[in-house]
Amino acid sequence: MRDEEIKLRIIRKLHIRGCWGTHHTSESNLQKGFPSHLRGRILELAEELRKEGLLVKHPTHHEAQWNLNWDKKGEIEKMLGI
């Protein structure tokens, strides 16, 4: 699976779960649904998406929480073909 495909799956997963604004998902849940050999790569690609401004990471005392960047909603929906 190519990195761009994985990034799109991460974004799609968060979109389906409604992870915008105050609704978020944990790092462990972000990795679920992907093959076990890709799980470390998922977090690396999520960081890349954060640097691109598409994801937002909220550190907590337990584990980081992730959601989609509300300011990039139009761009994200265009990527997903919505």
PDB file of N, CA and C in Angstrom:
ATOM      1  N   MET A   1       0.846  -1.175   0.000  1.00  0.00           N
ATOM      2  CA  MET A   1       0.000   0.000   0.000  1.00  0.00           C
ATOM      3  C   MET A   1       0.894   1.243   0.000  1.00  0.00           C
ATOM      4  N   ARG A   2       0.625   2.161  -0.906  1.00  0.00           N
ATOM      5  CA  ARG A   2       1.425   3.381  -1.024  1.00  0.00           C
ATOM      6  C   ARG A   2       1.054   4.382   0.073  1.00  0.00           C
ATOM      7  N   ASP A   3       1.993   5.267   0.376  1.00  0.00           N
ATOM      8  CA  ASP A   3       1.780   6.270   1.424  1.00  0.00           C
ATOM      9  C   ASP A   3       0.566   7.147   1.149  1.00  0.00           C
ATOM     10  N   GLU A   4       0.361   7.554  -0.097  1.00  0.00           N
ATOM     11  CA  GLU A   4      -0.778   8.417  -0.421  1.00  0.00           C
ATOM     12  C   GLU A   4      -2.109   7.706  -0.177  1.00  0.00           C
ATOM     13  N   GLU A   5      -2.152   6.406  -0.456  1.00  0.00           N
ATOM     14  CA  GLU A   5      -3.358   5.618  -0.187  1.00  0.00           C
ATOM     15  C   GLU A   5      -3.620   5.536   1.314  1.00  0.00           C
ATOM     16  N   ILE A   6      -2.569   5.349   2.085  1.00  0.00           N
ATOM     17  CA  ILE A   6      -2.709   5.264   3.536  1.00  0.00           C
ATOM     18  C   ILE A   6      -3.187   6.603   4.095  1.00  0.00           C
ATOM     19  N   LYS A   7      -2.606   7.702   3.614  1.00  0.00           N
ATOM     20  CA  LYS A   7      -3.028   9.031   4.079  1.00  0.00           C
ATOM     21  C   LYS A   7      -4.506   9.259   3.808  1.00  0.00           C
ATOM     22  N   LEU A   8      -4.952   8.869   2.623  1.00  0.00           N
ATOM     23  CA  LEU A   8      -6.361   9.042   2.281  1.00  0.00           C
ATOM     24  C   LEU A   8      -7.250   8.182   3.170  1.00  0.00           C
ATOM     25  N   ARG A   9      -6.801   6.976   3.487  1.00  0.00           N
ATOM     26  CA  ARG A   9      -7.576   6.112   4.394  1.00  0.00           C
ATOM     27  C   ARG A   9      -7.657   6.702   5.799  1.00  0.00           C
ATOM     28  N   ILE A  10      -6.569   7.313   6.264  1.00  0.00           N
ATOM     29  CA  ILE A  10      -6.584   7.956   7.581  1.00  0.00           C
ATOM     30  C   ILE A  10      -7.610   9.089   7.584  1.00  0.00           C
ATOM     31  N   ILE A  11      -7.560   9.917   6.557  1.00  0.00           N
ATOM     32  CA  ILE A  11      -8.492  11.045   6.467  1.00  0.00           C
ATOM     33  C   ILE A  11      -9.928  10.531   6.361  1.00  0.00           C
ATOM     34  N   ARG A  12     -10.153   9.520   5.529  1.00  0.00           N
ATOM     35  CA  ARG A  12     -11.500   8.969   5.361  1.00  0.00           C
ATOM     36  C   ARG A  12     -12.017   8.398   6.684  1.00  0.00           C
ATOM     37  N   LYS A  13     -11.149   7.707   7.404  1.00  0.00           N
ATOM     38  CA  LYS A  13     -11.548   7.117   8.680  1.00  0.00           C
ATOM     39  C   LYS A  13     -11.999   8.200   9.665  1.00  0.00           C
ATOM     40  N   LEU A  14     -11.224   9.258   9.764  1.00  0.00           N
ATOM     41  CA  LEU A  14     -11.594  10.344  10.672  1.00  0.00           C
ATOM     42  C   LEU A  14     -12.868  11.042  10.213  1.00  0.00           C
ATOM     43  N   HIS A  15     -13.034  11.178   8.917  1.00  0.00           N
ATOM     44  CA  HIS A  15     -14.239  11.825   8.383  1.00  0.00           C
ATOM     45  C   HIS A  15     -15.482  10.986   8.683  1.00  0.00           C
ATOM     46  N   ILE A  16     -15.405   9.691   8.452  1.00  0.00           N
ATOM     47  CA  ILE A  16     -16.537   8.799   8.731  1.00  0.00           C
ATOM     48  C   ILE A  16     -16.902   8.832  10.209  1.00  0.00           C
ATOM     49  N   ARG A  17     -15.896   8.918  11.070  1.00  0.00           N
ATOM     50  CA  ARG A  17     -16.142   8.962  12.518  1.00  0.00           C
ATOM     51  C   ARG A  17     -16.586  10.337  13.002  1.00  0.00           C
ATOM     52  N   GLY A  18     -16.578  11.321  12.108  1.00  0.00           N
ATOM     53  CA  GLY A  18     -16.999  12.668  12.489  1.00  0.00           C
ATOM     54  C   GLY A  18     -15.996  13.385  13.365  1.00  0.00           C
ATOM     55  N   CYS A  19     -14.725  13.109  13.170  1.00  0.00           N
ATOM     56  CA  CYS A  19     -13.666  13.695  14.004  1.00  0.00           C
ATOM     57  C   CYS A  19     -13.276  15.080  13.504  1.00  0.00           C
ATOM     58  N   TRP A  20     -14.126  16.042  13.787  1.00  0.00           N
ATOM     59  CA  TRP A  20     -13.899  17.454  13.464  1.00  0.00           C
ATOM     60  C   TRP A  20     -13.979  18.239  14.765  1.00  0.00           C
ATOM     61  N   GLY A  21     -13.185  19.267  14.880  1.00  0.00           N
ATOM     62  CA  GLY A  21     -13.292  20.158  16.045  1.00  0.00           C
ATOM     63  C   GLY A  21     -13.027  19.444  17.354  1.00  0.00           C
ATOM     64  N   THR A  22     -14.026  19.384  18.220  1.00  0.00           N
ATOM     65  CA  THR A  22     -13.826  18.812  19.553  1.00  0.00           C
ATOM     66  C   THR A  22     -13.957  17.292  19.584  1.00  0.00           C
ATOM     67  N   HIS A  23     -14.471  16.681  18.519  1.00  0.00           N
ATOM     68  CA  HIS A  23     -14.554  15.213  18.463  1.00  0.00           C
ATOM     69  C   HIS A  23     -13.241  14.691  17.888  1.00  0.00           C
ATOM     70  N   HIS A  24     -12.648  13.716  18.558  1.00  0.00           N
ATOM     71  CA  HIS A  24     -11.336  13.224  18.146  1.00  0.00           C
ATOM     72  C   HIS A  24     -11.235  11.731  18.400  1.00  0.00           C
ATOM     73  N   THR A  25     -10.127  11.144  17.979  1.00  0.00           N
ATOM     74  CA  THR A  25      -9.864   9.732  18.241  1.00  0.00           C
ATOM     75  C   THR A  25      -8.422   9.582  18.717  1.00  0.00           C
ATOM     76  N   SER A  26      -8.179   8.546  19.488  1.00  0.00           N
ATOM     77  CA  SER A  26      -6.844   8.327  20.054  1.00  0.00           C
ATOM     78  C   SER A  26      -5.903   7.718  19.022  1.00  0.00           C
ATOM     79  N   GLU A  27      -4.618   7.796  19.312  1.00  0.00           N
ATOM     80  CA  GLU A  27      -3.613   7.217  18.417  1.00  0.00           C
ATOM     81  C   GLU A  27      -3.827   5.719  18.226  1.00  0.00           C
ATOM     82  N   SER A  28      -4.183   5.025  19.298  1.00  0.00           N
ATOM     83  CA  SER A  28      -4.379   3.576  19.169  1.00  0.00           C
ATOM     84  C   SER A  28      -5.566   3.268  18.263  1.00  0.00           C
ATOM     85  N   ASN A  29      -6.635   4.056  18.337  1.00  0.00           N
ATOM     86  CA  ASN A  29      -7.779   3.840  17.455  1.00  0.00           C
ATOM     87  C   ASN A  29      -7.475   4.259  16.023  1.00  0.00           C
ATOM     88  N   LEU A  30      -6.609   5.233  15.856  1.00  0.00           N
ATOM     89  CA  LEU A  30      -6.232   5.683  14.518  1.00  0.00           C
ATOM     90  C   LEU A  30      -5.560   4.547  13.741  1.00  0.00           C
ATOM     91  N   GLN A  31      -4.823   3.707  14.440  1.00  0.00           N
ATOM     92  CA  GLN A  31      -4.085   2.618  13.807  1.00  0.00           C
ATOM     93  C   GLN A  31      -4.934   1.379  13.540  1.00  0.00           C
ATOM     94  N   LYS A  32      -6.069   1.265  14.207  1.00  0.00           N
ATOM     95  CA  LYS A  32      -6.919   0.084  14.027  1.00  0.00           C
ATOM     96  C   LYS A  32      -7.457   0.024  12.601  1.00  0.00           C
ATOM     97  N   GLY A  33      -7.602  -1.187  12.101  1.00  0.00           N
ATOM     98  CA  GLY A  33      -8.123  -1.391  10.760  1.00  0.00           C
ATOM     99  C   GLY A  33      -7.044  -1.469   9.695  1.00  0.00           C
ATOM    100  N   PHE A  34      -5.825  -1.188  10.077  1.00  0.00           N
ATOM    101  CA  PHE A  34      -4.701  -1.299   9.152  1.00  0.00           C
ATOM    102  C   PHE A  34      -3.939  -2.586   9.465  1.00  0.00           C
ATOM    103  N   PRO A  35      -3.257  -3.161   8.489  1.00  0.00           N
ATOM    104  CA  PRO A  35      -2.446  -4.346   8.765  1.00  0.00           C
ATOM    105  C   PRO A  35      -1.406  -4.046   9.856  1.00  0.00           C
ATOM    106  N   SER A  36      -1.119  -5.034  10.677  1.00  0.00           N
ATOM    107  CA  SER A  36      -0.227  -4.832  11.817  1.00  0.00           C
ATOM    108  C   SER A  36       1.170  -4.363  11.399  1.00  0.00           C
ATOM    109  N   HIS A  37       1.643  -4.782  10.240  1.00  0.00           N
ATOM    110  CA  HIS A  37       2.982  -4.372   9.814  1.00  0.00           C
ATOM    111  C   HIS A  37       3.031  -2.900   9.389  1.00  0.00           C
ATOM    112  N   LEU A  38       1.867  -2.247   9.219  1.00  0.00           N
ATOM    113  CA  LEU A  38       1.825  -0.833   8.839  1.00  0.00           C
ATOM    114  C   LEU A  38       1.548   0.100  10.006  1.00  0.00           C
ATOM    115  N   ARG A  39       1.269  -0.430  11.167  1.00  0.00           N
ATOM    116  CA  ARG A  39       0.797   0.410  12.273  1.00  0.00           C
ATOM    117  C   ARG A  39       1.781   1.493  12.689  1.00  0.00           C
ATOM    118  N   GLY A  40       3.060   1.209  12.680  1.00  0.00           N
ATOM    119  CA  GLY A  40       4.047   2.246  13.000  1.00  0.00           C
ATOM    120  C   GLY A  40       4.067   3.324  11.932  1.00  0.00           C
ATOM    121  N   ARG A  41       3.891   2.930  10.708  1.00  0.00           N
ATOM    122  CA  ARG A  41       3.896   3.876   9.587  1.00  0.00           C
ATOM    123  C   ARG A  41       2.670   4.785   9.636  1.00  0.00           C
ATOM    124  N   ILE A  42       1.579   4.307  10.184  1.00  0.00           N
ATOM    125  CA  ILE A  42       0.347   5.106  10.269  1.00  0.00           C
ATOM    126  C   ILE A  42       0.609   6.381  11.052  1.00  0.00           C
ATOM    127  N   LEU A  43       1.285   6.279  12.177  1.00  0.00           N
ATOM    128  CA  LEU A  43       1.558   7.452  12.994  1.00  0.00           C
ATOM    129  C   LEU A  43       2.520   8.411  12.292  1.00  0.00           C
ATOM    130  N   GLU A  44       3.485   7.866  11.564  1.00  0.00           N
ATOM    131  CA  GLU A  44       4.409   8.720  10.800  1.00  0.00           C
ATOM    132  C   GLU A  44       3.645   9.510   9.735  1.00  0.00           C
ATOM    133  N   LEU A  45       2.733   8.843   9.045  1.00  0.00           N
ATOM    134  CA  LEU A  45       1.961   9.516   8.001  1.00  0.00           C
ATOM    135  C   LEU A  45       0.954  10.497   8.599  1.00  0.00           C
ATOM    136  N   ALA A  46       0.415  10.177   9.770  1.00  0.00           N
ATOM    137  CA  ALA A  46      -0.481  11.116  10.449  1.00  0.00           C
ATOM    138  C   ALA A  46       0.288  12.391  10.809  1.00  0.00           C
ATOM    139  N   GLU A  47       1.538  12.239  11.235  1.00  0.00           N
ATOM    140  CA  GLU A  47       2.376  13.411  11.526  1.00  0.00           C
ATOM    141  C   GLU A  47       2.607  14.239  10.261  1.00  0.00           C
ATOM    142  N   GLU A  48       2.823  13.566   9.132  1.00  0.00           N
ATOM    143  CA  GLU A  48       2.988  14.287   7.872  1.00  0.00           C
ATOM    144  C   GLU A  48       1.716  15.068   7.532  1.00  0.00           C
ATOM    145  N   LEU A  49       0.562  14.442   7.738  1.00  0.00           N
ATOM    146  CA  LEU A  49      -0.716  15.122   7.478  1.00  0.00           C
ATOM    147  C   LEU A  49      -0.888  16.319   8.421  1.00  0.00           C
ATOM    148  N   ARG A  50      -0.397  16.176   9.652  1.00  0.00           N
ATOM    149  CA  ARG A  50      -0.454  17.291  10.600  1.00  0.00           C
ATOM    150  C   ARG A  50       0.406  18.449  10.100  1.00  0.00           C
ATOM    151  N   LYS A  51       1.597  18.130   9.615  1.00  0.00           N
ATOM    152  CA  LYS A  51       2.492  19.170   9.093  1.00  0.00           C
ATOM    153  C   LYS A  51       1.912  19.838   7.853  1.00  0.00           C
ATOM    154  N   GLU A  52       1.109  19.079   7.076  1.00  0.00           N
ATOM    155  CA  GLU A  52       0.437  19.634   5.905  1.00  0.00           C
ATOM    156  C   GLU A  52      -0.790  20.467   6.308  1.00  0.00           C
ATOM    157  N   GLY A  53      -1.156  20.406   7.582  1.00  0.00           N
ATOM    158  CA  GLY A  53      -2.280  21.186   8.077  1.00  0.00           C
ATOM    159  C   GLY A  53      -3.626  20.506   7.967  1.00  0.00           C
ATOM    160  N   LEU A  54      -3.657  19.232   7.594  1.00  0.00           N
ATOM    161  CA  LEU A  54      -4.929  18.537   7.422  1.00  0.00           C
ATOM    162  C   LEU A  54      -5.430  17.885   8.707  1.00  0.00           C
ATOM    163  N   LEU A  55      -4.516  17.503   9.585  1.00  0.00           N
ATOM    164  CA  LEU A  55      -4.891  16.902  10.869  1.00  0.00           C
ATOM    165  C   LEU A  55      -4.418  17.789  12.009  1.00  0.00           C
ATOM    166  N   VAL A  56      -5.085  17.617  13.138  1.00  0.00           N
ATOM    167  CA  VAL A  56      -4.706  18.322  14.360  1.00  0.00           C
ATOM    168  C   VAL A  56      -4.429  17.264  15.425  1.00  0.00           C
ATOM    169  N   LYS A  57      -3.324  17.438  16.129  1.00  0.00           N
ATOM    170  CA  LYS A  57      -2.930  16.510  17.188  1.00  0.00           C
ATOM    171  C   LYS A  57      -3.032  17.225  18.529  1.00  0.00           C
ATOM    172  N   HIS A  58      -3.738  16.595  19.462  1.00  0.00           N
ATOM    173  CA  HIS A  58      -3.895  17.150  20.803  1.00  0.00           C
ATOM    174  C   HIS A  58      -3.204  16.224  21.798  1.00  0.00           C
ATOM    175  N   PRO A  59      -2.092  16.641  22.370  1.00  0.00           N
ATOM    176  CA  PRO A  59      -1.431  15.781  23.357  1.00  0.00           C
ATOM    177  C   PRO A  59      -2.255  15.716  24.646  1.00  0.00           C
ATOM    178  N   THR A  60      -2.313  14.549  25.239  1.00  0.00           N
ATOM    179  CA  THR A  60      -2.974  14.372  26.529  1.00  0.00           C
ATOM    180  C   THR A  60      -2.023  13.596  27.432  1.00  0.00           C
ATOM    181  N   HIS A  61      -2.408  13.409  28.686  1.00  0.00           N
ATOM    182  CA  HIS A  61      -1.540  12.670  29.603  1.00  0.00           C
ATOM    183  C   HIS A  61      -1.512  11.177  29.282  1.00  0.00           C
ATOM    184  N   HIS A  62      -2.499  10.680  28.553  1.00  0.00           N
ATOM    185  CA  HIS A  62      -2.542   9.251  28.226  1.00  0.00           C
ATOM    186  C   HIS A  62      -1.919   8.981  26.855  1.00  0.00           C
ATOM    187  N   GLU A  63      -2.536   9.451  25.806  1.00  0.00           N
ATOM    188  CA  GLU A  63      -1.993   9.338  24.453  1.00  0.00           C
ATOM    189  C   GLU A  63      -2.590  10.461  23.607  1.00  0.00           C
ATOM    190  N   ALA A  64      -1.925  10.785  22.535  1.00  0.00           N
ATOM    191  CA  ALA A  64      -2.368  11.896  21.692  1.00  0.00           C
ATOM    192  C   ALA A  64      -3.728  11.596  21.066  1.00  0.00           C
ATOM    193  N   GLN A  65      -4.495  12.652  20.857  1.00  0.00           N
ATOM    194  CA  GLN A  65      -5.797  12.572  20.212  1.00  0.00           C
ATOM    195  C   GLN A  65      -5.706  13.277  18.863  1.00  0.00           C
ATOM    196  N   TRP A  66      -6.390  12.749  17.849  1.00  0.00           N
ATOM    197  CA  TRP A  66      -6.312  13.274  16.490  1.00  0.00           C
ATOM    198  C   TRP A  66      -7.690  13.650  15.970  1.00  0.00           C
ATOM    199  N   ASN A  67      -7.754  14.732  15.204  1.00  0.00           N
ATOM    200  CA  ASN A  67      -8.974  15.083  14.486  1.00  0.00           C
ATOM    201  C   ASN A  67      -8.616  15.842  13.217  1.00  0.00           C
ATOM    202  N   LEU A  68      -9.612  16.021  12.367  1.00  0.00           N
ATOM    203  CA  LEU A  68      -9.425  16.752  11.118  1.00  0.00           C
ATOM    204  C   LEU A  68      -9.430  18.244  11.396  1.00  0.00           C
ATOM    205  N   ASN A  69      -8.676  18.993  10.624  1.00  0.00           N
ATOM    206  CA  ASN A  69      -8.591  20.439  10.777  1.00  0.00           C
ATOM    207  C   ASN A  69      -9.814  21.089  10.143  1.00  0.00           C
ATOM    208  N   TRP A  70     -10.650  21.693  10.973  1.00  0.00           N
ATOM    209  CA  TRP A  70     -11.889  22.317  10.514  1.00  0.00           C
ATOM    210  C   TRP A  70     -11.623  23.395   9.466  1.00  0.00           C
ATOM    211  N   ASP A  71     -10.507  24.096   9.583  1.00  0.00           N
ATOM    212  CA  ASP A  71     -10.171  25.159   8.629  1.00  0.00           C
ATOM    213  C   ASP A  71      -9.869  24.621   7.233  1.00  0.00           C
ATOM    214  N   LYS A  72      -9.585  23.336   7.124  1.00  0.00           N
ATOM    215  CA  LYS A  72      -9.269  22.707   5.832  1.00  0.00           C
ATOM    216  C   LYS A  72     -10.413  21.805   5.350  1.00  0.00           C
ATOM    217  N   LYS A  73     -11.614  22.033   5.868  1.00  0.00           N
ATOM    218  CA  LYS A  73     -12.753  21.157   5.554  1.00  0.00           C
ATOM    219  C   LYS A  73     -12.996  21.053   4.054  1.00  0.00           C
ATOM    220  N   GLY A  74     -12.996  22.171   3.343  1.00  0.00           N
ATOM    221  CA  GLY A  74     -13.227  22.143   1.905  1.00  0.00           C
ATOM    222  C   GLY A  74     -12.192  21.311   1.167  1.00  0.00           C
ATOM    223  N   GLU A  75     -10.951  21.492   1.524  1.00  0.00           N
ATOM    224  CA  GLU A  75      -9.859  20.756   0.888  1.00  0.00           C
ATOM    225  C   GLU A  75      -9.958  19.258   1.183  1.00  0.00           C
ATOM    226  N   ILE A  76     -10.299  18.919   2.434  1.00  0.00           N
ATOM    227  CA  ILE A  76     -10.425  17.513   2.835  1.00  0.00           C
ATOM    228  C   ILE A  76     -11.591  16.854   2.090  1.00  0.00           C
ATOM    229  N   GLU A  77     -12.719  17.521   2.028  1.00  0.00           N
ATOM    230  CA  GLU A  77     -13.865  16.945   1.329  1.00  0.00           C
ATOM    231  C   GLU A  77     -13.600  16.802  -0.160  1.00  0.00           C
ATOM    232  N   LYS A  78     -12.832  17.717  -0.728  1.00  0.00           N
ATOM    233  CA  LYS A  78     -12.457  17.599  -2.133  1.00  0.00           C
ATOM    234  C   LYS A  78     -11.581  16.371  -2.346  1.00  0.00           C
ATOM    235  N   MET A  79     -10.649  16.114  -1.424  1.00  0.00           N
ATOM    236  CA  MET A  79      -9.795  14.925  -1.504  1.00  0.00           C
ATOM    237  C   MET A  79     -10.621  13.644  -1.457  1.00  0.00           C
ATOM    238  N   LEU A  80     -11.693  13.672  -0.644  1.00  0.00           N
ATOM    239  CA  LEU A  80     -12.530  12.496  -0.474  1.00  0.00           C
ATOM    240  C   LEU A  80     -13.591  12.375  -1.565  1.00  0.00           C
ATOM    241  N   GLY A  81     -13.701  13.387  -2.407  1.00  0.00           N
ATOM    242  CA  GLY A  81     -14.683  13.360  -3.490  1.00  0.00           C
ATOM    243  C   GLY A  81     -16.103  13.623  -3.018  1.00  0.00           C
ATOM    244  N   ILE A  82     -16.232  14.415  -1.974  1.00  0.00           N
ATOM    245  CA  ILE A  82     -17.557  14.731  -1.405  1.00  0.00           C
ATOM    246  C   ILE A  82     -18.051  16.051  -1.966  1.00  0.00           C
TER     247      ILE A  82
END
